[in-house]
Structures are given as C-alpha cells and as structure tokens.
Full PDB file with SEQRES, HELIX, SHEET, SSBOND, CRYST1, ORIGX, SCALE, CONECT and MASTER records, all heavy atoms in Angstrom:
SEQRES   1 A   36  PRO SER ASN ASN LEU GLU ASP PRO PRO VAL VAL GLU GLY          
SEQRES   2 A   36  ASP GLN ARG VAL ASP PRO ASP PRO GLY LEU LEU ASP VAL          
SEQRES   3 A   36  VAL PRO VAL ASP GLY LYS GLN GLY TYR ASP                      
HELIX    1 AA1 PRO A   21  ASP A   25  5                                   5    
CRYST1    1.000    1.000    1.000  90.00  90.00  90.00 P 1           1          
ORIGX1      1.000000  0.000000  0.000000        0.00000                         
ORIGX2      0.000000  1.000000  0.000000        0.00000                         
ORIGX3      0.000000  0.000000  1.000000        0.00000                         
SCALE1      1.000000  0.000000  0.000000        0.00000                         
SCALE2      0.000000  1.000000  0.000000        0.00000                         
SCALE3      0.000000  0.000000  1.000000        0.00000                         
ATOM      1  N   PRO A   1     -33.906  29.196  13.053  1.00  0.00           N  
ATOM      2  CA  PRO A   1     -34.973  29.232  12.052  1.00  0.00           C  
ATOM      3  C   PRO A   1     -34.565  30.170  10.920  1.00  0.00           C  
ATOM      4  O   PRO A   1     -33.663  31.003  11.081  1.00  0.00           O  
ATOM      5  CB  PRO A   1     -36.157  29.790  12.831  1.00  0.00           C  
ATOM      6  CG  PRO A   1     -35.544  30.660  13.880  1.00  0.00           C  
ATOM      7  CD  PRO A   1     -34.260  29.967  14.264  1.00  0.00           C  
ATOM      8  N   SER A   2     -35.222  30.037   9.788  1.00  0.00           N  
ATOM      9  CA  SER A   2     -34.907  30.924   8.668  1.00  0.00           C  
ATOM     10  C   SER A   2     -35.341  32.356   8.944  1.00  0.00           C  
ATOM     11  O   SER A   2     -34.758  33.304   8.413  1.00  0.00           O  
ATOM     12  CB  SER A   2     -35.571  30.419   7.384  1.00  0.00           C  
ATOM     13  OG  SER A   2     -35.001  29.201   6.984  1.00  0.00           O  
ATOM     14  N   ASN A   3     -36.372  32.522   9.775  1.00  0.00           N  
ATOM     15  CA  ASN A   3     -36.850  33.865  10.092  1.00  0.00           C  
ATOM     16  C   ASN A   3     -37.616  33.821  11.409  1.00  0.00           C  
ATOM     17  O   ASN A   3     -37.795  32.756  12.009  1.00  0.00           O  
ATOM     18  CB  ASN A   3     -37.725  34.410   8.961  1.00  0.00           C  
ATOM     19  CG  ASN A   3     -38.895  33.491   8.642  1.00  0.00           C  
ATOM     20  OD1 ASN A   3     -39.824  33.353   9.449  1.00  0.00           O  
ATOM     21  ND2 ASN A   3     -38.845  32.845   7.483  1.00  0.00           N  
ATOM     22  N   ASN A   4     -38.072  34.978  11.849  1.00  0.00           N  
ATOM     23  CA  ASN A   4     -38.698  35.091  13.166  1.00  0.00           C  
ATOM     24  C   ASN A   4     -40.125  34.537  13.222  1.00  0.00           C  
ATOM     25  O   ASN A   4     -40.710  34.451  14.297  1.00  0.00           O  
ATOM     26  CB  ASN A   4     -38.710  36.561  13.620  1.00  0.00           C  
ATOM     27  CG  ASN A   4     -39.617  37.430  12.753  1.00  0.00           C  
ATOM     28  OD1 ASN A   4     -39.713  37.232  11.547  1.00  0.00           O  
ATOM     29  ND2 ASN A   4     -40.270  38.385  13.368  1.00  0.00           N  
ATOM     30  N   LEU A   5     -40.675  34.160  12.076  1.00  0.00           N  
ATOM     31  CA  LEU A   5     -42.024  33.589  12.054  1.00  0.00           C  
ATOM     32  C   LEU A   5     -41.991  32.060  12.087  1.00  0.00           C  
ATOM     33  O   LEU A   5     -43.045  31.421  12.137  1.00  0.00           O  
ATOM     34  CB  LEU A   5     -42.779  34.063  10.809  1.00  0.00           C  
ATOM     35  CG  LEU A   5     -42.969  35.589  10.699  1.00  0.00           C  
ATOM     36  CD1 LEU A   5     -43.722  35.936   9.411  1.00  0.00           C  
ATOM     37  CD2 LEU A   5     -43.699  36.138  11.917  1.00  0.00           C  
ATOM     38  N   GLU A   6     -40.805  31.491  12.040  1.00  0.00           N  
ATOM     39  CA  GLU A   6     -40.660  30.042  12.064  1.00  0.00           C  
ATOM     40  C   GLU A   6     -40.095  29.585  13.401  1.00  0.00           C  
ATOM     41  O   GLU A   6     -39.451  30.348  14.113  1.00  0.00           O  
ATOM     42  CB  GLU A   6     -39.726  29.570  10.948  1.00  0.00           C  
ATOM     43  CG  GLU A   6     -40.247  29.812   9.546  1.00  0.00           C  
ATOM     44  CD  GLU A   6     -39.306  29.264   8.487  1.00  0.00           C  
ATOM     45  OE1 GLU A   6     -38.290  28.624   8.851  1.00  0.00           O  
ATOM     46  OE2 GLU A   6     -39.567  29.480   7.294  1.00  0.00           O  
ATOM     47  N   ASP A   7     -40.331  28.312  13.726  1.00  0.00           N  
ATOM     48  CA  ASP A   7     -39.681  27.700  14.877  1.00  0.00           C  
ATOM     49  C   ASP A   7     -38.321  27.168  14.459  1.00  0.00           C  
ATOM     50  O   ASP A   7     -38.104  26.847  13.282  1.00  0.00           O  
ATOM     51  CB  ASP A   7     -40.542  26.557  15.429  1.00  0.00           C  
ATOM     52  CG  ASP A   7     -41.793  27.069  16.133  1.00  0.00           C  
ATOM     53  OD1 ASP A   7     -41.714  28.166  16.728  1.00  0.00           O  
ATOM     54  OD2 ASP A   7     -42.831  26.394  16.084  1.00  0.00           O  
ATOM     55  N   PRO A   8     -37.383  27.047  15.400  1.00  0.00           N  
ATOM     56  CA  PRO A   8     -36.071  26.478  15.076  1.00  0.00           C  
ATOM     57  C   PRO A   8     -36.224  25.058  14.530  1.00  0.00           C  
ATOM     58  O   PRO A   8     -37.163  24.343  14.897  1.00  0.00           O  
ATOM     59  CB  PRO A   8     -35.336  26.478  16.420  1.00  0.00           C  
ATOM     60  CG  PRO A   8     -36.035  27.508  17.243  1.00  0.00           C  
ATOM     61  CD  PRO A   8     -37.470  27.467  16.812  1.00  0.00           C  
ATOM     62  N   PRO A   9     -35.314  24.626  13.656  1.00  0.00           N  
ATOM     63  CA  PRO A   9     -35.447  23.313  13.019  1.00  0.00           C  
ATOM     64  C   PRO A   9     -35.195  22.162  13.997  1.00  0.00           C  
ATOM     65  O   PRO A   9     -34.097  22.024  14.542  1.00  0.00           O  
ATOM     66  CB  PRO A   9     -34.374  23.339  11.925  1.00  0.00           C  
ATOM     67  CG  PRO A   9     -33.377  24.352  12.385  1.00  0.00           C  
ATOM     68  CD  PRO A   9     -34.145  25.376  13.158  1.00  0.00           C  
ATOM     69  N   VAL A  10     -36.212  21.358  14.229  1.00  0.00           N  
ATOM     70  CA  VAL A  10     -36.098  20.205  15.120  1.00  0.00           C  
ATOM     71  C   VAL A  10     -35.593  19.013  14.314  1.00  0.00           C  
ATOM     72  O   VAL A  10     -36.095  18.741  13.221  1.00  0.00           O  
ATOM     73  CB  VAL A  10     -37.461  19.878  15.772  1.00  0.00           C  
ATOM     74  CG1 VAL A  10     -37.365  18.622  16.635  1.00  0.00           C  
ATOM     75  CG2 VAL A  10     -37.949  21.061  16.591  1.00  0.00           C  
ATOM     76  N   VAL A  11     -34.581  18.318  14.854  1.00  0.00           N  
ATOM     77  CA  VAL A  11     -34.056  17.120  14.201  1.00  0.00           C  
ATOM     78  C   VAL A  11     -34.426  15.901  15.048  1.00  0.00           C  
ATOM     79  O   VAL A  11     -34.973  16.029  16.145  1.00  0.00           O  
ATOM     80  CB  VAL A  11     -32.534  17.213  14.014  1.00  0.00           C  
ATOM     81  CG1 VAL A  11     -32.176  18.423  13.160  1.00  0.00           C  
ATOM     82  CG2 VAL A  11     -31.815  17.302  15.355  1.00  0.00           C  
ATOM     83  N   GLU A  12     -34.113  14.735  14.556  1.00  0.00           N  
ATOM     84  CA  GLU A  12     -34.466  13.518  15.292  1.00  0.00           C  
ATOM     85  C   GLU A  12     -33.803  13.498  16.665  1.00  0.00           C  
ATOM     86  O   GLU A  12     -34.435  13.210  17.667  1.00  0.00           O  
ATOM     87  CB  GLU A  12     -34.063  12.293  14.481  1.00  0.00           C  
ATOM     88  CG  GLU A  12     -34.512  10.983  15.120  1.00  0.00           C  
ATOM     89  CD  GLU A  12     -34.208   9.782  14.243  1.00  0.00           C  
ATOM     90  OE1 GLU A  12     -33.970   9.974  13.034  1.00  0.00           O  
ATOM     91  OE2 GLU A  12     -34.198   8.656  14.768  1.00  0.00           O  
ATOM     92  N   GLY A  13     -32.525  13.829  16.710  1.00  0.00           N  
ATOM     93  CA  GLY A  13     -31.835  13.973  17.986  1.00  0.00           C  
ATOM     94  C   GLY A  13     -31.784  12.705  18.814  1.00  0.00           C  
ATOM     95  O   GLY A  13     -32.147  11.612  18.371  1.00  0.00           O  
ATOM     96  N   ASP A  14     -31.314  12.873  20.043  1.00  0.00           N  
ATOM     97  CA  ASP A  14     -31.226  11.768  20.998  1.00  0.00           C  
ATOM     98  C   ASP A  14     -32.437  11.838  21.922  1.00  0.00           C  
ATOM     99  O   ASP A  14     -32.555  12.758  22.733  1.00  0.00           O  
ATOM    100  CB  ASP A  14     -29.920  11.888  21.792  1.00  0.00           C  
ATOM    101  CG  ASP A  14     -29.729  10.742  22.779  1.00  0.00           C  
ATOM    102  OD1 ASP A  14     -30.619   9.865  22.848  1.00  0.00           O  
ATOM    103  OD2 ASP A  14     -28.704  10.734  23.483  1.00  0.00           O  
ATOM    104  N   GLN A  15     -33.330  10.878  21.793  1.00  0.00           N  
ATOM    105  CA  GLN A  15     -34.572  10.905  22.557  1.00  0.00           C  
ATOM    106  C   GLN A  15     -34.433  10.288  23.955  1.00  0.00           C  
ATOM    107  O   GLN A  15     -35.380  10.320  24.739  1.00  0.00           O  
ATOM    108  CB  GLN A  15     -35.670  10.169  21.782  1.00  0.00           C  
ATOM    109  CG  GLN A  15     -35.988  10.792  20.426  1.00  0.00           C  
ATOM    110  CD  GLN A  15     -36.468  12.232  20.533  1.00  0.00           C  
ATOM    111  OE1 GLN A  15     -37.295  12.559  21.376  1.00  0.00           O  
ATOM    112  NE2 GLN A  15     -35.921  13.116  19.687  1.00  0.00           N  
ATOM    113  N   ARG A  16     -33.272   9.755  24.266  1.00  0.00           N  
ATOM    114  CA  ARG A  16     -33.080   9.129  25.577  1.00  0.00           C  
ATOM    115  C   ARG A  16     -33.006  10.181  26.681  1.00  0.00           C  
ATOM    116  O   ARG A  16     -32.314  11.184  26.538  1.00  0.00           O  
ATOM    117  CB  ARG A  16     -31.814   8.280  25.583  1.00  0.00           C  
ATOM    118  CG  ARG A  16     -31.864   7.046  24.672  1.00  0.00           C  
ATOM    119  CD  ARG A  16     -30.518   6.362  24.599  1.00  0.00           C  
ATOM    120  NE  ARG A  16     -29.498   7.263  24.059  1.00  0.00           N  
ATOM    121  CZ  ARG A  16     -28.210   6.969  23.982  1.00  0.00           C  
ATOM    122  NH1 ARG A  16     -27.757   5.810  24.423  1.00  0.00           N  
ATOM    123  NH2 ARG A  16     -27.343   7.831  23.468  1.00  0.00           N  
ATOM    124  N   VAL A  17     -33.685   9.924  27.777  1.00  0.00           N  
ATOM    125  CA  VAL A  17     -33.636  10.821  28.940  1.00  0.00           C  
ATOM    126  C   VAL A  17     -33.386   9.994  30.203  1.00  0.00           C  
ATOM    127  O   VAL A  17     -33.929  10.270  31.271  1.00  0.00           O  
ATOM    128  CB  VAL A  17     -34.931  11.655  29.066  1.00  0.00           C  
ATOM    129  CG1 VAL A  17     -35.028  12.681  27.962  1.00  0.00           C  
ATOM    130  CG2 VAL A  17     -36.166  10.756  29.063  1.00  0.00           C  
ATOM    131  N   ASP A  18     -32.567   8.986  30.066  1.00  0.00           N  
ATOM    132  CA  ASP A  18     -32.263   8.107  31.192  1.00  0.00           C  
ATOM    133  C   ASP A  18     -31.497   8.855  32.277  1.00  0.00           C  
ATOM    134  O   ASP A  18     -30.780   9.832  31.983  1.00  0.00           O  
ATOM    135  CB  ASP A  18     -31.421   6.910  30.729  1.00  0.00           C  
ATOM    136  CG  ASP A  18     -32.107   6.129  29.619  1.00  0.00           C  
ATOM    137  OD1 ASP A  18     -33.346   6.024  29.684  1.00  0.00           O  
ATOM    138  OD2 ASP A  18     -31.409   5.638  28.708  1.00  0.00           O  
ATOM    139  N   PRO A  19     -31.607   8.414  33.536  1.00  0.00           N  
ATOM    140  CA  PRO A  19     -30.814   9.038  34.610  1.00  0.00           C  
ATOM    141  C   PRO A  19     -29.322   8.969  34.304  1.00  0.00           C  
ATOM    142  O   PRO A  19     -28.838   7.976  33.747  1.00  0.00           O  
ATOM    143  CB  PRO A  19     -31.167   8.195  35.842  1.00  0.00           C  
ATOM    144  CG  PRO A  19     -32.485   7.588  35.524  1.00  0.00           C  
ATOM    145  CD  PRO A  19     -32.500   7.349  34.043  1.00  0.00           C  
ATOM    146  N   ASP A  20     -28.607  10.025  34.640  1.00  0.00           N  
ATOM    147  CA  ASP A  20     -27.162  10.095  34.393  1.00  0.00           C  
ATOM    148  C   ASP A  20     -26.421  10.215  35.724  1.00  0.00           C  
ATOM    149  O   ASP A  20     -26.263  11.315  36.258  1.00  0.00           O  
ATOM    150  CB  ASP A  20     -26.841  11.300  33.504  1.00  0.00           C  
ATOM    151  CG  ASP A  20     -25.356  11.419  33.185  1.00  0.00           C  
ATOM    152  OD1 ASP A  20     -24.595  10.520  33.576  1.00  0.00           O  
ATOM    153  OD2 ASP A  20     -24.966  12.421  32.553  1.00  0.00           O  
ATOM    154  N   PRO A  21     -25.953   9.094  36.285  1.00  0.00           N  
ATOM    155  CA  PRO A  21     -25.243   9.139  37.580  1.00  0.00           C  
ATOM    156  C   PRO A  21     -23.988   9.995  37.545  1.00  0.00           C  
ATOM    157  O   PRO A  21     -23.528  10.478  38.580  1.00  0.00           O  
ATOM    158  CB  PRO A  21     -24.896   7.658  37.833  1.00  0.00           C  
ATOM    159  CG  PRO A  21     -25.840   6.884  36.974  1.00  0.00           C  
ATOM    160  CD  PRO A  21     -26.084   7.734  35.768  1.00  0.00           C  
ATOM    161  N   GLY A  22     -23.433  10.211  36.333  1.00  0.00           N  
ATOM    162  CA  GLY A  22     -22.225  11.023  36.216  1.00  0.00           C  
ATOM    163  C   GLY A  22     -22.411  12.449  36.691  1.00  0.00           C  
ATOM    164  O   GLY A  22     -21.450  13.108  37.107  1.00  0.00           O  
ATOM    165  N   LEU A  23     -23.650  12.945  36.666  1.00  0.00           N  
ATOM    166  CA  LEU A  23     -23.906  14.315  37.116  1.00  0.00           C  
ATOM    167  C   LEU A  23     -23.690  14.477  38.619  1.00  0.00           C  
ATOM    168  O   LEU A  23     -23.491  15.595  39.107  1.00  0.00           O  
ATOM    169  CB  LEU A  23     -25.334  14.732  36.750  1.00  0.00           C  
ATOM    170  CG  LEU A  23     -25.555  15.158  35.290  1.00  0.00           C  
ATOM    171  CD1 LEU A  23     -27.036  15.268  34.979  1.00  0.00           C  
ATOM    172  CD2 LEU A  23     -24.851  16.472  34.995  1.00  0.00           C  
ATOM    173  N   LEU A  24     -23.719  13.391  39.360  1.00  0.00           N  
ATOM    174  CA  LEU A  24     -23.523  13.470  40.817  1.00  0.00           C  
ATOM    175  C   LEU A  24     -22.087  13.847  41.174  1.00  0.00           C  
ATOM    176  O   LEU A  24     -21.832  14.325  42.285  1.00  0.00           O  
ATOM    177  CB  LEU A  24     -23.875  12.130  41.469  1.00  0.00           C  
ATOM    178  CG  LEU A  24     -25.338  11.683  41.343  1.00  0.00           C  
ATOM    179  CD1 LEU A  24     -25.510  10.276  41.881  1.00  0.00           C  
ATOM    180  CD2 LEU A  24     -26.257  12.659  42.068  1.00  0.00           C  
ATOM    181  N   ASP A  25     -21.147  13.637  40.239  1.00  0.00           N  
ATOM    182  CA  ASP A  25     -19.729  13.869  40.530  1.00  0.00           C  
ATOM    183  C   ASP A  25     -19.178  15.140  39.897  1.00  0.00           C  
ATOM    184  O   ASP A  25     -17.996  15.436  40.032  1.00  0.00           O  
ATOM    185  CB  ASP A  25     -18.908  12.663  40.042  1.00  0.00           C  
ATOM    186  CG  ASP A  25     -19.366  11.356  40.668  1.00  0.00           C  
ATOM    187  OD1 ASP A  25     -19.663  11.373  41.873  1.00  0.00           O  
ATOM    188  OD2 ASP A  25     -19.418  10.339  39.950  1.00  0.00           O  
ATOM    189  N   VAL A  26     -20.017  15.891  39.180  1.00  0.00           N  
ATOM    190  CA  VAL A  26     -19.514  17.059  38.440  1.00  0.00           C  
ATOM    191  C   VAL A  26     -19.450  18.304  39.315  1.00  0.00           C  
ATOM    192  O   VAL A  26     -18.469  19.051  39.297  1.00  0.00           O  
ATOM    193  CB  VAL A  26     -20.398  17.329  37.206  1.00  0.00           C  
ATOM    194  CG1 VAL A  26     -19.924  18.593  36.487  1.00  0.00           C  
ATOM    195  CG2 VAL A  26     -20.358  16.140  36.249  1.00  0.00           C  
ATOM    196  N   VAL A  27     -20.489  18.530  40.102  1.00  0.00           N  
ATOM    197  CA  VAL A  27     -20.591  19.763  40.899  1.00  0.00           C  
ATOM    198  C   VAL A  27     -20.229  19.465  42.356  1.00  0.00           C  
ATOM    199  O   VAL A  27     -20.926  18.699  43.028  1.00  0.00           O  
ATOM    200  CB  VAL A  27     -22.015  20.353  40.822  1.00  0.00           C  
ATOM    201  CG1 VAL A  27     -22.123  21.603  41.680  1.00  0.00           C  
ATOM    202  CG2 VAL A  27     -22.384  20.665  39.378  1.00  0.00           C  
ATOM    203  N   PRO A  28     -19.136  20.072  42.873  1.00  0.00           N  
ATOM    204  CA  PRO A  28     -18.768  19.854  44.272  1.00  0.00           C  
ATOM    205  C   PRO A  28     -19.837  20.404  45.222  1.00  0.00           C  
ATOM    206  O   PRO A  28     -20.450  21.437  44.945  1.00  0.00           O  
ATOM    207  CB  PRO A  28     -17.453  20.627  44.426  1.00  0.00           C  
ATOM    208  CG  PRO A  28     -16.958  20.858  43.037  1.00  0.00           C  
ATOM    209  CD  PRO A  28     -18.179  20.942  42.180  1.00  0.00           C  
ATOM    210  N   VAL A  29     -20.048  19.718  46.338  1.00  0.00           N  
ATOM    211  CA  VAL A  29     -21.008  20.199  47.338  1.00  0.00           C  
ATOM    212  C   VAL A  29     -20.509  21.479  47.982  1.00  0.00           C  
ATOM    213  O   VAL A  29     -21.289  22.382  48.309  1.00  0.00           O  
ATOM    214  CB  VAL A  29     -21.266  19.103  48.401  1.00  0.00           C  
ATOM    215  CG1 VAL A  29     -22.174  19.649  49.507  1.00  0.00           C  
ATOM    216  CG2 VAL A  29     -21.896  17.879  47.750  1.00  0.00           C  
ATOM    217  N   ASP A  30     -19.192  21.592  48.164  1.00  0.00           N  
ATOM    218  CA  ASP A  30     -18.592  22.785  48.753  1.00  0.00           C  
ATOM    219  C   ASP A  30     -18.755  23.960  47.790  1.00  0.00           C  
ATOM    220  O   ASP A  30     -18.188  23.970  46.695  1.00  0.00           O  
ATOM    221  CB  ASP A  30     -17.115  22.533  49.043  1.00  0.00           C  
ATOM    222  CG  ASP A  30     -16.430  23.731  49.699  1.00  0.00           C  
ATOM    223  OD1 ASP A  30     -17.107  24.760  49.938  1.00  0.00           O  
ATOM    224  OD2 ASP A  30     -15.224  23.642  49.979  1.00  0.00           O  
ATOM    225  N   GLY A  31     -19.514  24.968  48.204  1.00  0.00           N  
ATOM    226  CA  GLY A  31     -19.796  26.114  47.342  1.00  0.00           C  
ATOM    227  C   GLY A  31     -18.586  26.952  46.999  1.00  0.00           C  
ATOM    228  O   GLY A  31     -18.642  27.764  46.076  1.00  0.00           O  
ATOM    229  N   LYS A  32     -17.477  26.764  47.715  1.00  0.00           N  
ATOM    230  CA  LYS A  32     -16.262  27.541  47.440  1.00  0.00           C  
ATOM    231  C   LYS A  32     -15.345  26.851  46.438  1.00  0.00           C  
ATOM    232  O   LYS A  32     -14.330  27.403  46.051  1.00  0.00           O  
ATOM    233  CB  LYS A  32     -15.495  27.784  48.740  1.00  0.00           C  
ATOM    234  CG  LYS A  32     -16.242  28.673  49.728  1.00  0.00           C  
ATOM    235  CD  LYS A  32     -15.431  28.915  50.983  1.00  0.00           C  
ATOM    236  CE  LYS A  32     -16.179  29.828  51.957  1.00  0.00           C  
ATOM    237  NZ  LYS A  32     -15.415  30.044  53.211  1.00  0.00           N  
ATOM    238  N   GLN A  33     -15.706  25.649  46.036  1.00  0.00           N  
ATOM    239  CA  GLN A  33     -14.873  24.883  45.116  1.00  0.00           C  
ATOM    240  C   GLN A  33     -15.374  25.075  43.691  1.00  0.00           C  
ATOM    241  O   GLN A  33     -16.559  24.926  43.401  1.00  0.00           O  
ATOM    242  CB  GLN A  33     -14.904  23.399  45.492  1.00  0.00           C  
ATOM    243  CG  GLN A  33     -13.878  22.556  44.760  1.00  0.00           C  
ATOM    244  CD  GLN A  33     -13.837  21.134  45.281  1.00  0.00           C  
ATOM    245  OE1 GLN A  33     -14.277  20.863  46.403  1.00  0.00           O  
ATOM    246  NE2 GLN A  33     -13.322  20.219  44.479  1.00  0.00           N  
ATOM    247  N   GLY A  34     -14.472  25.412  42.793  1.00  0.00           N  
ATOM    248  CA  GLY A  34     -14.845  25.670  41.406  1.00  0.00           C  
ATOM    249  C   GLY A  34     -14.968  24.404  40.587  1.00  0.00           C  
ATOM    250  O   GLY A  34     -14.519  23.324  40.979  1.00  0.00           O  
ATOM    251  N   TYR A  35     -15.573  24.528  39.417  1.00  0.00           N  
ATOM    252  CA  TYR A  35     -15.696  23.444  38.452  1.00  0.00           C  
ATOM    253  C   TYR A  35     -16.095  24.060  37.119  1.00  0.00           C  
ATOM    254  O   TYR A  35     -16.502  25.225  37.062  1.00  0.00           O  
ATOM    255  CB  TYR A  35     -16.755  22.417  38.900  1.00  0.00           C  
ATOM    256  CG  TYR A  35     -18.152  22.989  38.973  1.00  0.00           C  
ATOM    257  CD1 TYR A  35     -19.043  22.888  37.906  1.00  0.00           C  
ATOM    258  CD2 TYR A  35     -18.592  23.679  40.110  1.00  0.00           C  
ATOM    259  CE1 TYR A  35     -20.318  23.449  37.968  1.00  0.00           C  
ATOM    260  CE2 TYR A  35     -19.860  24.243  40.178  1.00  0.00           C  
ATOM    261  CZ  TYR A  35     -20.716  24.110  39.099  1.00  0.00           C  
ATOM    262  OH  TYR A  35     -21.967  24.675  39.162  1.00  0.00           O  
ATOM    263  N   ASP A  36     -15.974  23.290  36.059  1.00  0.00           N  
ATOM    264  CA  ASP A  36     -16.320  23.782  34.723  1.00  0.00           C  
ATOM    265  C   ASP A  36     -17.775  23.437  34.430  1.00  0.00           C  
ATOM    266  O   ASP A  36     -18.132  22.262  34.285  1.00  0.00           O  
ATOM    267  CB  ASP A  36     -15.407  23.148  33.678  1.00  0.00           C  
ATOM    268  CG  ASP A  36     -15.529  23.813  32.311  1.00  0.00           C  
ATOM    269  OD1 ASP A  36     -16.562  24.471  32.054  1.00  0.00           O  
ATOM    270  OD2 ASP A  36     -14.607  23.668  31.492  1.00  0.00           O  
TER     271      ASP A  36                                                      
MASTER        0    0    0    1    0    0    0    6  270    1    0    3          
END                                                                             
C-alpha cells in the first residue's frame, strides 16, 4: 500500500481455486526427508 492507512493493492489475479493434485507429490511423508 502507499501508506499504513491503506490496504495493499488488490489486482484481478487468478480467481481459480481448483484442487491441485500436484501438491500430493511435493512433501515427502517421511519427516526426515528434505524438500524445497
């Protein structure tokens, strides 16, 4: 925002919130295995 009395500027953006199956493969179930 321009200052602390304003809200951050909202743009049209991507309004889709469909399920993303790709998230199932990003985080390993094994807590000792790293990932980005």
